[in-house]
C-alpha atoms as a PDB file:
ATOM      1  CA  MET A   1      15.147 -23.290   2.246  1.00  0.00           C
ATOM      2  CA  VAL A   2      12.929 -25.711   4.133  1.00  0.00           C
ATOM      3  CA  MET A   3      14.822 -24.931   7.369  1.00  0.00           C
ATOM      4  CA  VAL A   4      14.170 -21.195   6.948  1.00  0.00           C
ATOM      5  CA  GLY A   5      10.459 -21.868   6.513  1.00  0.00           C
ATOM      6  CA  LEU A   6      10.470 -24.157   9.528  1.00  0.00           C
ATOM      7  CA  VAL A   7      12.231 -21.572  11.725  1.00  0.00           C
ATOM      8  CA  VAL A   8       9.855 -18.797  10.626  1.00  0.00           C
ATOM      9  CA  GLY A   9       6.877 -21.077  11.210  1.00  0.00           C
ATOM     10  CA  LEU A  10       8.062 -22.042  14.691  1.00  0.00           C
ATOM     11  CA  SER A  11       8.738 -18.396  15.561  1.00  0.00           C
ATOM     12  CA  ALA A  12       5.189 -17.448  14.573  1.00  0.00           C
ATOM     13  CA  TYR A  13       3.839 -20.345  16.638  1.00  0.00           C
ATOM     14  CA  GLN A  14       5.891 -19.212  19.656  1.00  0.00           C
ATOM     15  CA  THR A  15       4.469 -15.674  19.546  1.00  0.00           C
ATOM     16  CA  VAL A  16       0.908 -17.068  19.330  1.00  0.00           C
ATOM     17  CA  ALA A  17       1.642 -19.244  22.379  1.00  0.00           C
ATOM     18  CA  ASP A  18       3.130 -16.204  24.167  1.00  0.00           C
ATOM     19  CA  SER A  19       0.022 -14.170  23.346  1.00  0.00           C
ATOM     20  CA  ASP A  20      -2.231 -16.928  24.720  1.00  0.00           C
ATOM     21  CA  ASN A  21      -0.095 -17.131  27.881  1.00  0.00           C
ATOM     22  CA  ILE A  22      -0.337 -13.357  28.392  1.00  0.00           C
ATOM     23  CA  VAL A  23      -4.136 -13.430  28.020  1.00  0.00           C
ATOM     24  CA  ASN A  24      -4.340 -16.411  30.416  1.00  0.00           C
ATOM     25  CA  ALA A  25      -2.195 -14.580  32.998  1.00  0.00           C
ATOM     26  CA  LEU A  26      -4.617 -11.641  32.814  1.00  0.00           C
ATOM     27  CA  LYS A  27      -7.651 -13.953  33.097  1.00  0.00           C
ATOM     28  CA  GLN A  28      -6.136 -15.508  36.238  1.00  0.00           C
ATOM     29  CA  GLY A  29      -5.153 -12.123  37.676  1.00  0.00           C
ATOM     30  CA  ASN A  30      -1.579 -13.451  37.835  1.00  0.00           C
ATOM     31  CA  ALA A  31       0.768 -10.439  37.728  1.00  0.00           C
ATOM     32  CA  SER A  32       3.866 -12.588  38.322  1.00  0.00           C
ATOM     33  CA  GLN A  33       3.139 -14.725  35.262  1.00  0.00           C
ATOM     34  CA  LEU A  34       2.362 -11.595  33.239  1.00  0.00           C
ATOM     35  CA  SER A  35       5.658  -9.958  34.227  1.00  0.00           C
ATOM     36  CA  ASN A  36       7.556 -12.867  32.649  1.00  0.00           C
ATOM     37  CA  TYR A  37       6.687 -11.224  29.321  1.00  0.00           C
ATOM     38  CA  PHE A  38       7.854  -7.704  30.220  1.00  0.00           C
ATOM     39  CA  ASP A  39      10.607  -6.245  28.072  1.00  0.00           C
ATOM     40  CA  ASN A  40      13.720  -4.971  29.904  1.00  0.00           C
ATOM     41  CA  PHE A  41      12.081  -1.524  30.081  1.00  0.00           C
ATOM     42  CA  ILE A  42       8.368  -0.761  29.721  1.00  0.00           C
ATOM     43  CA  ASP A  43       6.101   2.280  29.743  1.00  0.00           C
ATOM     44  CA  LEU A  44       3.484   1.923  32.475  1.00  0.00           C
ATOM     45  CA  LYS A  45       0.359   3.982  33.182  1.00  0.00           C
ATOM     46  CA  LEU A  46      -1.948   3.071  36.062  1.00  0.00           C
ATOM     47  CA  PRO A  47      -5.122   4.847  37.247  1.00  0.00           C
ATOM     48  CA  GLU A  48      -4.545   8.083  39.156  1.00  0.00           C
ATOM     49  CA  LYS A  49      -0.772   7.843  38.642  1.00  0.00           C
ATOM     50  CA  ASP A  50       1.539   9.542  36.173  1.00  0.00           C
ATOM     51  CA  GLU A  51       2.812   7.479  33.272  1.00  0.00           C
ATOM     52  CA  VAL A  52       6.321   6.176  33.863  1.00  0.00           C
ATOM     53  CA  LYS A  53       8.471   5.741  30.761  1.00  0.00           C
ATOM     54  CA  ASN A  54      11.288   3.186  30.620  1.00  0.00           C
ATOM     55  CA  MET A  55      10.498   1.577  33.973  1.00  0.00           C
ATOM     56  CA  GLY A  56      12.798  -1.369  34.624  1.00  0.00           C
ATOM     57  CA  ARG A  57      11.367  -4.859  34.300  1.00  0.00           C
ATOM     58  CA  THR A  58      11.703  -5.688  38.028  1.00  0.00           C
ATOM     59  CA  GLN A  59      10.142  -2.433  39.245  1.00  0.00           C
ATOM     60  CA  ALA A  60       7.329  -2.759  36.685  1.00  0.00           C
ATOM     61  CA  GLY A  61       6.635  -6.290  37.916  1.00  0.00           C
ATOM     62  CA  ILE A  62       6.433  -5.105  41.525  1.00  0.00           C
ATOM     63  CA  THR A  63       4.182  -2.169  40.563  1.00  0.00           C
ATOM     64  CA  VAL A  64       1.765  -4.284  38.483  1.00  0.00           C
ATOM     65  CA  LYS A  65       1.651  -7.000  41.158  1.00  0.00           C
ATOM     66  CA  SER A  66       0.802  -4.341  43.758  1.00  0.00           C
ATOM     67  CA  PHE A  67      -1.950  -2.896  41.524  1.00  0.00           C
ATOM     68  CA  PHE A  68      -3.443  -6.361  40.930  1.00  0.00           C
ATOM     69  CA  GLY A  69      -3.361  -7.125  44.676  1.00  0.00           C
ATOM     70  CA  ASP A  70      -4.715  -3.734  45.807  1.00  0.00           C
ATOM     71  CA  ASN A  71      -7.637  -3.987  43.380  1.00  0.00           C
ATOM     72  CA  ASN A  72      -8.150  -7.754  43.716  1.00  0.00           C
ATOM     73  CA  ILE A  73      -7.875  -8.293  39.962  1.00  0.00           C
ATOM     74  CA  LYS A  74      -9.429 -11.687  39.351  1.00  0.00           C
ATOM     75  CA  GLY A  75     -10.342 -11.807  35.678  1.00  0.00           C
ATOM     76  CA  PHE A  76     -10.019 -10.379  32.204  1.00  0.00           C
ATOM     77  CA  ASP A  77     -12.308 -10.034  29.188  1.00  0.00           C
ATOM     78  CA  LEU A  78     -10.460  -9.710  25.886  1.00  0.00           C
ATOM     79  CA  THR A  79     -11.961  -6.957  23.721  1.00  0.00           C
ATOM     80  CA  SER A  80      -9.540  -6.783  20.815  1.00  0.00           C
ATOM     81  CA  GLN A  81      -6.323  -8.353  19.651  1.00  0.00           C
ATOM     82  CA  ARG A  82      -4.550  -7.278  16.496  1.00  0.00           C
ATOM     83  CA  GLU A  83      -1.137  -7.177  14.895  1.00  0.00           C
ATOM     84  CA  MET A  84       0.307  -4.466  12.675  1.00  0.00           C
ATOM     85  CA  GLY A  85       3.866  -4.378  11.373  1.00  0.00           C
ATOM     86  CA  GLY A  86       5.428  -6.590  14.026  1.00  0.00           C
ATOM     87  CA  THR A  87       3.571  -4.838  16.835  1.00  0.00           C
ATOM     88  CA  LYS A  88       0.727  -6.565  18.657  1.00  0.00           C
ATOM     89  CA  TYR A  89      -2.042  -4.862  20.642  1.00  0.00           C
ATOM     90  CA  ILE A  90      -4.316  -6.416  23.236  1.00  0.00           C
ATOM     91  CA  THR A  91      -7.204  -4.507  24.805  1.00  0.00           C
ATOM     92  CA  GLY A  92      -9.778  -5.608  27.311  1.00  0.00           C
ATOM     93  CA  LYS A  93     -11.246  -5.221  30.782  1.00  0.00           C
ATOM     94  CA  LEU A  94      -9.556  -6.271  34.000  1.00  0.00           C
ATOM     95  CA  GLN A  95     -12.126  -7.396  36.573  1.00  0.00           C
ATOM     96  CA  GLY A  96     -11.582  -6.127  40.103  1.00  0.00           C
ATOM     97  CA  ASP A  97     -13.672  -6.277  43.263  1.00  0.00           C
ATOM     98  CA  ALA A  98     -14.854  -2.681  43.308  1.00  0.00           C
ATOM     99  CA  LYS A  99     -14.635  -1.878  39.602  1.00  0.00           C
ATOM    100  CA  ASP A 100     -13.348  -2.947  36.219  1.00  0.00           C
ATOM    101  CA  TYR A 101     -10.401  -1.341  34.444  1.00  0.00           C
ATOM    102  CA  ASN A 102      -9.659  -0.910  30.752  1.00  0.00           C
ATOM    103  CA  ILE A 103      -6.231  -2.225  29.806  1.00  0.00           C
ATOM    104  CA  THR A 104      -4.230  -1.776  26.622  1.00  0.00           C
ATOM    105  CA  MET A 105      -0.941  -3.546  26.057  1.00  0.00           C
ATOM    106  CA  LEU A 106       1.560  -3.051  23.272  1.00  0.00           C
ATOM    107  CA  MET A 107       3.977  -5.884  22.473  1.00  0.00           C
ATOM    108  CA  LYS A 108       6.827  -6.537  20.061  1.00  0.00           C
ATOM    109  CA  VAL A 109       8.646  -9.683  19.049  1.00  0.00           C
ATOM    110  CA  LYS A 110      12.201  -9.699  20.388  1.00  0.00           C
ATOM    111  CA  ALA A 111      14.469 -12.724  20.030  1.00  0.00           C
ATOM    112  CA  ASP A 112      11.512 -14.902  18.927  1.00  0.00           C
ATOM    113  CA  LYS A 113       9.581 -14.011  22.085  1.00  0.00           C
ATOM    114  CA  LEU A 114       6.653 -11.650  22.541  1.00  0.00           C
ATOM    115  CA  SER A 115       7.668  -8.835  24.916  1.00  0.00           C
ATOM    116  CA  ILE A 116       5.288  -6.349  26.554  1.00  0.00           C
ATOM    117  CA  ILE A 117       6.616  -2.826  26.022  1.00  0.00           C
ATOM    118  CA  THR A 118       3.627  -0.699  27.147  1.00  0.00           C
ATOM    119  CA  ILE A 119       0.775  -1.193  29.628  1.00  0.00           C
ATOM    120  CA  ARG A 120      -1.970   1.388  30.107  1.00  0.00           C
ATOM    121  CA  VAL A 121      -4.722   0.830  32.656  1.00  0.00           C
ATOM    122  CA  ASN A 122      -7.596   3.253  33.264  1.00  0.00           C
END
């Protein structure tokens, strides 16, 4: 019984650490670090582009890295962070050179790791 509690406790700690790492990657404008938390397939919506459903992890990483580079994303202000029924939401503002962008990310816990399943930037 104690082992079950310990495993559940460590799993919860891991997802908090993952969440902090995701926020830190955004604050640093580090798309490569952020893409480490992408699920195998994600839904991705970027400004002035159609939403792409079930984009593969590698392609999504390349696309987000390109967006960060093209817009010189250099910071992030966290607006909201909440969890409901095993799903976690993070919203905030990405800071670019010319303008700021609103970002919303949807994440789920998979195999004791927080995985990003949706990113919407506008």
